[in-house]
Amino acid sequence: MSTRPLEWGFGSGQTCWRRLERWQQADVFDQFHHRIVLGELNAAGELDWSRACADGSHIRAKKGVPTPVRRRSTGARRAADTT
């Protein structure tokens, strides 16, 4: 059995990589997983939602605490010593 895309009628390997990249950028796989796979499993009553958990590993973490905005002082300042 051949494992080359061209022999299967899918175009060259480069064409397959370009298509895969476009599908990944278009979020095709996540949409397929959520809408088709999970949707059909849920409709068939095959998902046990009592054992579900939230996974935030794909969400970007904040880097530290936000710094407060610096306010311009309205008080008088001493002039810099230029001597």
PDB file of N, CA and C in Angstrom:
ATOM      1  N   MET A   1       0.844  -1.187   0.000  1.00  0.00           N
ATOM      2  CA  MET A   1       0.000   0.000   0.000  1.00  0.00           C
ATOM      3  C   MET A   1       0.885   1.245   0.000  1.00  0.00           C
ATOM      4  N   SER A   2       0.571   2.177  -0.858  1.00  0.00           N
ATOM      5  CA  SER A   2       1.347   3.411  -0.965  1.00  0.00           C
ATOM      6  C   SER A   2       0.943   4.396   0.120  1.00  0.00           C
ATOM      7  N   THR A   3       1.922   5.189   0.568  1.00  0.00           N
ATOM      8  CA  THR A   3       1.613   6.200   1.574  1.00  0.00           C
ATOM      9  C   THR A   3       1.826   7.596   1.036  1.00  0.00           C
ATOM     10  N   ARG A   4       1.984   7.741  -0.271  1.00  0.00           N
ATOM     11  CA  ARG A   4       2.208   9.061  -0.852  1.00  0.00           C
ATOM     12  C   ARG A   4       0.893   9.693  -1.304  1.00  0.00           C
ATOM     13  N   PRO A   5       0.650  10.950  -0.940  1.00  0.00           N
ATOM     14  CA  PRO A   5      -0.613  11.626  -1.289  1.00  0.00           C
ATOM     15  C   PRO A   5      -0.881  11.650  -2.789  1.00  0.00           C
ATOM     16  N   LEU A   6       0.163  11.825  -3.600  1.00  0.00           N
ATOM     17  CA  LEU A   6      -0.013  11.917  -5.054  1.00  0.00           C
ATOM     18  C   LEU A   6      -0.608  10.629  -5.604  1.00  0.00           C
ATOM     19  N   GLU A   7      -0.145   9.497  -5.100  1.00  0.00           N
ATOM     20  CA  GLU A   7      -0.654   8.210  -5.571  1.00  0.00           C
ATOM     21  C   GLU A   7      -2.072   7.955  -5.082  1.00  0.00           C
ATOM     22  N   TRP A   8      -2.482   8.635  -4.022  1.00  0.00           N
ATOM     23  CA  TRP A   8      -3.851   8.518  -3.530  1.00  0.00           C
ATOM     24  C   TRP A   8      -4.793   9.499  -4.236  1.00  0.00           C
ATOM     25  N   GLY A   9      -4.231  10.380  -5.071  1.00  0.00           N
ATOM     26  CA  GLY A   9      -5.042  11.352  -5.786  1.00  0.00           C
ATOM     27  C   GLY A   9      -5.286  12.641  -5.034  1.00  0.00           C
ATOM     28  N   PHE A  10      -4.423  12.968  -4.036  1.00  0.00           N
ATOM     29  CA  PHE A  10      -4.602  14.172  -3.247  1.00  0.00           C
ATOM     30  C   PHE A  10      -3.655  15.296  -3.624  1.00  0.00           C
ATOM     31  N   GLY A  11      -2.891  15.165  -4.683  1.00  0.00           N
ATOM     32  CA  GLY A  11      -1.925  16.187  -5.053  1.00  0.00           C
ATOM     33  C   GLY A  11      -0.574  15.887  -4.434  1.00  0.00           C
ATOM     34  N   SER A  12       0.342  16.820  -4.579  1.00  0.00           N
ATOM     35  CA  SER A  12       1.696  16.621  -4.073  1.00  0.00           C
ATOM     36  C   SER A  12       1.733  16.775  -2.546  1.00  0.00           C
ATOM     37  N   GLY A  13       2.847  16.366  -1.977  1.00  0.00           N
ATOM     38  CA  GLY A  13       3.024  16.544  -0.542  1.00  0.00           C
ATOM     39  C   GLY A  13       2.950  18.011  -0.151  1.00  0.00           C
ATOM     40  N   GLN A  14       3.538  18.870  -0.991  1.00  0.00           N
ATOM     41  CA  GLN A  14       3.507  20.318  -0.711  1.00  0.00           C
ATOM     42  C   GLN A  14       2.073  20.834  -0.717  1.00  0.00           C
ATOM     43  N   THR A  15       1.259  20.354  -1.644  1.00  0.00           N
ATOM     44  CA  THR A  15      -0.149  20.758  -1.691  1.00  0.00           C
ATOM     45  C   THR A  15      -0.870  20.334  -0.418  1.00  0.00           C
ATOM     46  N   CYS A  16      -0.584  19.127   0.034  1.00  0.00           N
ATOM     47  CA  CYS A  16      -1.211  18.638   1.273  1.00  0.00           C
ATOM     48  C   CYS A  16      -0.798  19.494   2.470  1.00  0.00           C
ATOM     49  N   TRP A  17       0.483  19.858   2.558  1.00  0.00           N
ATOM     50  CA  TRP A  17       0.947  20.709   3.661  1.00  0.00           C
ATOM     51  C   TRP A  17       0.291  22.076   3.619  1.00  0.00           C
ATOM     52  N   ARG A  18       0.148  22.652   2.400  1.00  0.00           N
ATOM     53  CA  ARG A  18      -0.517  23.964   2.279  1.00  0.00           C
ATOM     54  C   ARG A  18      -1.966  23.883   2.732  1.00  0.00           C
ATOM     55  N   ARG A  19      -2.653  22.827   2.316  1.00  0.00           N
ATOM     56  CA  ARG A  19      -4.055  22.662   2.725  1.00  0.00           C
ATOM     57  C   ARG A  19      -4.159  22.481   4.233  1.00  0.00           C
ATOM     58  N   LEU A  20      -3.285  21.644   4.809  1.00  0.00           N
ATOM     59  CA  LEU A  20      -3.288  21.439   6.247  1.00  0.00           C
ATOM     60  C   LEU A  20      -3.070  22.753   6.983  1.00  0.00           C
ATOM     61  N   GLU A  21      -2.132  23.569   6.512  1.00  0.00           N
ATOM     62  CA  GLU A  21      -1.861  24.866   7.146  1.00  0.00           C
ATOM     63  C   GLU A  21      -3.082  25.776   7.066  1.00  0.00           C
ATOM     64  N   ARG A  22      -3.732  25.823   5.909  1.00  0.00           N
ATOM     65  CA  ARG A  22      -4.936  26.654   5.758  1.00  0.00           C
ATOM     66  C   ARG A  22      -6.050  26.180   6.688  1.00  0.00           C
ATOM     67  N   TRP A  23      -6.217  24.879   6.790  1.00  0.00           N
ATOM     68  CA  TRP A  23      -7.272  24.340   7.661  1.00  0.00           C
ATOM     69  C   TRP A  23      -6.969  24.656   9.120  1.00  0.00           C
ATOM     70  N   GLN A  24      -5.698  24.570   9.503  1.00  0.00           N
ATOM     71  CA  GLN A  24      -5.340  24.902  10.877  1.00  0.00           C
ATOM     72  C   GLN A  24      -5.587  26.379  11.157  1.00  0.00           C
ATOM     73  N   GLN A  25      -5.238  27.246  10.214  1.00  0.00           N
ATOM     74  CA  GLN A  25      -5.468  28.685  10.395  1.00  0.00           C
ATOM     75  C   GLN A  25      -6.955  29.004  10.440  1.00  0.00           C
ATOM     76  N   ALA A  26      -7.760  28.237   9.720  1.00  0.00           N
ATOM     77  CA  ALA A  26      -9.209  28.463   9.693  1.00  0.00           C
ATOM     78  C   ALA A  26      -9.919  27.770  10.858  1.00  0.00           C
ATOM     79  N   ASP A  27      -9.159  27.108  11.740  1.00  0.00           N
ATOM     80  CA  ASP A  27      -9.707  26.449  12.926  1.00  0.00           C
ATOM     81  C   ASP A  27     -10.651  25.299  12.583  1.00  0.00           C
ATOM     82  N   VAL A  28     -10.405  24.640  11.439  1.00  0.00           N
ATOM     83  CA  VAL A  28     -11.268  23.556  10.969  1.00  0.00           C
ATOM     84  C   VAL A  28     -11.311  22.392  11.959  1.00  0.00           C
ATOM     85  N   PHE A  29     -10.158  22.016  12.514  1.00  0.00           N
ATOM     86  CA  PHE A  29     -10.111  20.836  13.365  1.00  0.00           C
ATOM     87  C   PHE A  29     -10.834  21.051  14.694  1.00  0.00           C
ATOM     88  N   ASP A  30     -10.665  22.220  15.302  1.00  0.00           N
ATOM     89  CA  ASP A  30     -11.383  22.506  16.551  1.00  0.00           C
ATOM     90  C   ASP A  30     -12.887  22.559  16.311  1.00  0.00           C
ATOM     91  N   GLN A  31     -13.291  23.181  15.197  1.00  0.00           N
ATOM     92  CA  GLN A  31     -14.720  23.245  14.884  1.00  0.00           C
ATOM     93  C   GLN A  31     -15.282  21.846  14.657  1.00  0.00           C
ATOM     94  N   PHE A  32     -14.533  21.023  13.935  1.00  0.00           N
ATOM     95  CA  PHE A  32     -14.968  19.652  13.689  1.00  0.00           C
ATOM     96  C   PHE A  32     -15.130  18.905  15.008  1.00  0.00           C
ATOM     97  N   HIS A  33     -14.139  19.031  15.875  1.00  0.00           N
ATOM     98  CA  HIS A  33     -14.183  18.328  17.167  1.00  0.00           C
ATOM     99  C   HIS A  33     -15.385  18.774  17.993  1.00  0.00           C
ATOM    100  N   HIS A  34     -15.584  20.075  18.103  1.00  0.00           N
ATOM    101  CA  HIS A  34     -16.670  20.578  18.946  1.00  0.00           C
ATOM    102  C   HIS A  34     -18.048  20.344  18.336  1.00  0.00           C
ATOM    103  N   ARG A  35     -18.195  20.686  17.071  1.00  0.00           N
ATOM    104  CA  ARG A  35     -19.531  20.625  16.455  1.00  0.00           C
ATOM    105  C   ARG A  35     -19.938  19.213  16.052  1.00  0.00           C
ATOM    106  N   ILE A  36     -19.025  18.470  15.475  1.00  0.00           N
ATOM    107  CA  ILE A  36     -19.386  17.154  14.954  1.00  0.00           C
ATOM    108  C   ILE A  36     -19.196  16.068  16.011  1.00  0.00           C
ATOM    109  N   VAL A  37     -17.965  15.885  16.461  1.00  0.00           N
ATOM    110  CA  VAL A  37     -17.663  14.779  17.372  1.00  0.00           C
ATOM    111  C   VAL A  37     -18.421  14.935  18.690  1.00  0.00           C
ATOM    112  N   LEU A  38     -18.208  16.044  19.394  1.00  0.00           N
ATOM    113  CA  LEU A  38     -18.874  16.229  20.685  1.00  0.00           C
ATOM    114  C   LEU A  38     -20.384  16.375  20.530  1.00  0.00           C
ATOM    115  N   GLY A  39     -20.820  17.032  19.461  1.00  0.00           N
ATOM    116  CA  GLY A  39     -22.253  17.195  19.222  1.00  0.00           C
ATOM    117  C   GLY A  39     -22.965  15.870  19.035  1.00  0.00           C
ATOM    118  N   GLU A  40     -22.359  14.992  18.234  1.00  0.00           N
ATOM    119  CA  GLU A  40     -22.987  13.689  17.997  1.00  0.00           C
ATOM    120  C   GLU A  40     -22.927  12.805  19.243  1.00  0.00           C
ATOM    121  N   LEU A  41     -21.804  12.846  19.953  1.00  0.00           N
ATOM    122  CA  LEU A  41     -21.715  12.061  21.188  1.00  0.00           C
ATOM    123  C   LEU A  41     -22.730  12.541  22.221  1.00  0.00           C
ATOM    124  N   ASN A  42     -22.886  13.858  22.327  1.00  0.00           N
ATOM    125  CA  ASN A  42     -23.852  14.414  23.275  1.00  0.00           C
ATOM    126  C   ASN A  42     -25.276  14.026  22.882  1.00  0.00           C
ATOM    127  N   ALA A  43     -25.596  14.122  21.590  1.00  0.00           N
ATOM    128  CA  ALA A  43     -26.938  13.773  21.117  1.00  0.00           C
ATOM    129  C   ALA A  43     -27.243  12.301  21.369  1.00  0.00           C
ATOM    130  N   ALA A  44     -26.223  11.462  21.308  1.00  0.00           N
ATOM    131  CA  ALA A  44     -26.419  10.028  21.538  1.00  0.00           C
ATOM    132  C   ALA A  44     -26.382   9.678  23.027  1.00  0.00           C
ATOM    133  N   GLY A  45     -26.188  10.698  23.883  1.00  0.00           N
ATOM    134  CA  GLY A  45     -26.141  10.456  25.319  1.00  0.00           C
ATOM    135  C   GLY A  45     -24.879   9.725  25.759  1.00  0.00           C
ATOM    136  N   GLU A  46     -23.819   9.858  24.990  1.00  0.00           N
ATOM    137  CA  GLU A  46     -22.579   9.136  25.273  1.00  0.00           C
ATOM    138  C   GLU A  46     -21.561   9.951  26.075  1.00  0.00           C
ATOM    139  N   LEU A  47     -21.890  11.188  26.424  1.00  0.00           N
ATOM    140  CA  LEU A  47     -20.959  12.005  27.207  1.00  0.00           C
ATOM    141  C   LEU A  47     -21.435  12.086  28.648  1.00  0.00           C
ATOM    142  N   ASP A  48     -20.515  11.904  29.570  1.00  0.00           N
ATOM    143  CA  ASP A  48     -20.818  12.014  30.993  1.00  0.00           C
ATOM    144  C   ASP A  48     -20.331  13.386  31.457  1.00  0.00           C
ATOM    145  N   TRP A  49     -21.224  14.382  31.425  1.00  0.00           N
ATOM    146  CA  TRP A  49     -20.841  15.756  31.744  1.00  0.00           C
ATOM    147  C   TRP A  49     -20.505  15.935  33.221  1.00  0.00           C
ATOM    148  N   SER A  50     -20.865  14.982  34.078  1.00  0.00           N
ATOM    149  CA  SER A  50     -20.519  15.104  35.493  1.00  0.00           C
ATOM    150  C   SER A  50     -19.024  14.903  35.713  1.00  0.00           C
ATOM    151  N   ARG A  51     -18.345  14.352  34.732  1.00  0.00           N
ATOM    152  CA  ARG A  51     -16.911  14.119  34.851  1.00  0.00           C
ATOM    153  C   ARG A  51     -16.107  15.076  33.966  1.00  0.00           C
ATOM    154  N   ALA A  52     -16.725  16.111  33.471  1.00  0.00           N
ATOM    155  CA  ALA A  52     -16.048  17.074  32.609  1.00  0.00           C
ATOM    156  C   ALA A  52     -15.207  18.034  33.437  1.00  0.00           C
ATOM    157  N   CYS A  53     -14.151  18.565  32.845  1.00  0.00           N
ATOM    158  CA  CYS A  53     -13.333  19.566  33.527  1.00  0.00           C
ATOM    159  C   CYS A  53     -12.929  20.642  32.520  1.00  0.00           C
ATOM    160  N   ALA A  54     -12.708  21.818  33.039  1.00  0.00           N
ATOM    161  CA  ALA A  54     -12.282  22.925  32.185  1.00  0.00           C
ATOM    162  C   ALA A  54     -10.765  22.882  32.047  1.00  0.00           C
ATOM    163  N   ASP A  55     -10.287  23.082  30.841  1.00  0.00           N
ATOM    164  CA  ASP A  55      -8.845  23.054  30.583  1.00  0.00           C
ATOM    165  C   ASP A  55      -8.451  24.388  29.995  1.00  0.00           C
ATOM    166  N   GLY A  56      -7.629  25.128  30.700  1.00  0.00           N
ATOM    167  CA  GLY A  56      -7.195  26.430  30.221  1.00  0.00           C
ATOM    168  C   GLY A  56      -5.797  26.415  29.650  1.00  0.00           C
ATOM    169  N   SER A  57      -5.295  25.241  29.304  1.00  0.00           N
ATOM    170  CA  SER A  57      -3.916  25.153  28.822  1.00  0.00           C
ATOM    171  C   SER A  57      -3.714  25.851  27.477  1.00  0.00           C
ATOM    172  N   HIS A  58      -4.782  26.092  26.741  1.00  0.00           N
ATOM    173  CA  HIS A  58      -4.658  26.747  25.442  1.00  0.00           C
ATOM    174  C   HIS A  58      -4.856  28.266  25.532  1.00  0.00           C
ATOM    175  N   ILE A  59      -5.092  28.777  26.729  1.00  0.00           N
ATOM    176  CA  ILE A  59      -5.309  30.213  26.916  1.00  0.00           C
ATOM    177  C   ILE A  59      -4.005  30.857  27.373  1.00  0.00           C
ATOM    178  N   ARG A  60      -3.645  31.959  26.750  1.00  0.00           N
ATOM    179  CA  ARG A  60      -2.399  32.636  27.078  1.00  0.00           C
ATOM    180  C   ARG A  60      -2.440  33.192  28.499  1.00  0.00           C
ATOM    181  N   ALA A  61      -1.390  32.932  29.248  1.00  0.00           N
ATOM    182  CA  ALA A  61      -1.312  33.411  30.626  1.00  0.00           C
ATOM    183  C   ALA A  61      -0.851  34.859  30.652  1.00  0.00           C
ATOM    184  N   LYS A  62      -1.398  35.622  31.575  1.00  0.00           N
ATOM    185  CA  LYS A  62      -0.957  37.003  31.770  1.00  0.00           C
ATOM    186  C   LYS A  62       0.433  36.973  32.390  1.00  0.00           C
ATOM    187  N   LYS A  63       1.259  37.889  32.002  1.00  0.00           N
ATOM    188  CA  LYS A  63       2.617  37.944  32.529  1.00  0.00           C
ATOM    189  C   LYS A  63       2.703  38.988  33.627  1.00  0.00           C
ATOM    190  N   GLY A  64       2.471  38.580  34.842  1.00  0.00           N
ATOM    191  CA  GLY A  64       2.584  39.486  35.975  1.00  0.00           C
ATOM    192  C   GLY A  64       1.344  40.327  36.200  1.00  0.00           C
ATOM    193  N   VAL A  65       1.452  41.176  37.172  1.00  0.00           N
ATOM    194  CA  VAL A  65       0.356  42.062  37.549  1.00  0.00           C
ATOM    195  C   VAL A  65       0.449  43.332  36.708  1.00  0.00           C
ATOM    196  N   PRO A  66      -0.655  43.859  36.235  1.00  0.00           N
ATOM    197  CA  PRO A  66      -0.581  45.098  35.455  1.00  0.00           C
ATOM    198  C   PRO A  66      -0.034  46.243  36.302  1.00  0.00           C
ATOM    199  N   THR A  67       0.817  47.031  35.702  1.00  0.00           N
ATOM    200  CA  THR A  67       1.388  48.162  36.434  1.00  0.00           C
ATOM    201  C   THR A  67       0.411  49.324  36.418  1.00  0.00           C
ATOM    202  N   PRO A  68       0.320  50.048  37.542  1.00  0.00           N
ATOM    203  CA  PRO A  68      -0.601  51.186  37.576  1.00  0.00           C
ATOM    204  C   PRO A  68      -0.112  52.292  36.633  1.00  0.00           C
ATOM    205  N   VAL A  69      -1.039  53.062  36.153  1.00  0.00           N
ATOM    206  CA  VAL A  69      -0.716  54.168  35.263  1.00  0.00           C
ATOM    207  C   VAL A  69      -0.015  55.259  36.053  1.00  0.00           C
ATOM    208  N   ARG A  70       1.090  55.737  35.525  1.00  0.00           N
ATOM    209  CA  ARG A  70       1.804  56.817  36.223  1.00  0.00           C
ATOM    210  C   ARG A  70       1.061  58.124  36.003  1.00  0.00           C
ATOM    211  N   ARG A  71       0.794  58.814  37.063  1.00  0.00           N
ATOM    212  CA  ARG A  71       0.111  60.104  37.000  1.00  0.00           C
ATOM    213  C   ARG A  71       1.149  61.210  37.055  1.00  0.00           C
ATOM    214  N   ARG A  72       0.920  62.228  36.310  1.00  0.00           N
ATOM    215  CA  ARG A  72       1.827  63.377  36.327  1.00  0.00           C
ATOM    216  C   ARG A  72       1.624  64.154  37.617  1.00  0.00           C
ATOM    217  N   SER A  73       2.718  64.444  38.275  1.00  0.00           N
ATOM    218  CA  SER A  73       2.640  65.161  39.536  1.00  0.00           C
ATOM    219  C   SER A  73       2.274  66.618  39.282  1.00  0.00           C
ATOM    220  N   THR A  74       1.417  67.149  40.133  1.00  0.00           N
ATOM    221  CA  THR A  74       1.063  68.564  40.026  1.00  0.00           C
ATOM    222  C   THR A  74       1.819  69.391  41.057  1.00  0.00           C
ATOM    223  N   GLY A  75       2.622  68.722  41.894  1.00  0.00           N
ATOM    224  CA  GLY A  75       3.393  69.422  42.926  1.00  0.00           C
ATOM    225  C   GLY A  75       4.649  70.051  42.339  1.00  0.00           C
ATOM    226  N   ALA A  76       5.191  71.033  43.058  1.00  0.00           N
ATOM    227  CA  ALA A  76       6.410  71.706  42.595  1.00  0.00           C
ATOM    228  C   ALA A  76       7.604  70.783  42.765  1.00  0.00           C
ATOM    229  N   ARG A  77       8.539  70.881  41.842  1.00  0.00           N
ATOM    230  CA  ARG A  77       9.756  70.113  41.921  1.00  0.00           C
ATOM    231  C   ARG A  77      10.948  71.052  42.024  1.00  0.00           C
ATOM    232  N   ARG A  78      11.971  70.553  42.637  1.00  0.00           N
ATOM    233  CA  ARG A  78      13.197  71.346  42.684  1.00  0.00           C
ATOM    234  C   ARG A  78      13.842  71.293  41.320  1.00  0.00           C
ATOM    235  N   ALA A  79      14.436  72.368  40.928  1.00  0.00           N
ATOM    236  CA  ALA A  79      15.153  72.441  39.656  1.00  0.00           C
ATOM    237  C   ALA A  79      16.407  71.579  39.759  1.00  0.00           C
ATOM    238  N   ALA A  80      16.785  70.980  38.655  1.00  0.00           N
ATOM    239  CA  ALA A  80      17.993  70.168  38.628  1.00  0.00           C
ATOM    240  C   ALA A  80      19.218  71.030  38.842  1.00  0.00           C
ATOM    241  N   ASP A  81      20.158  70.530  39.582  1.00  0.00           N
ATOM    242  CA  ASP A  81      21.417  71.254  39.839  1.00  0.00           C
ATOM    243  C   ASP A  81      22.314  71.075  38.645  1.00  0.00           C
ATOM    244  N   THR A  82      22.646  72.153  37.959  1.00  0.00           N
ATOM    245  CA  THR A  82      23.477  72.087  36.753  1.00  0.00           C
ATOM    246  C   THR A  82      24.905  72.507  37.004  1.00  0.00           C
ATOM    247  N   THR A  83      25.285  72.710  38.270  1.00  0.00           N
ATOM    248  CA  THR A  83      26.655  73.153  38.557  1.00  0.00           C
ATOM    249  C   THR A  83      27.593  72.005  38.710  1.00  0.00           C
TER     250      THR A  83
END
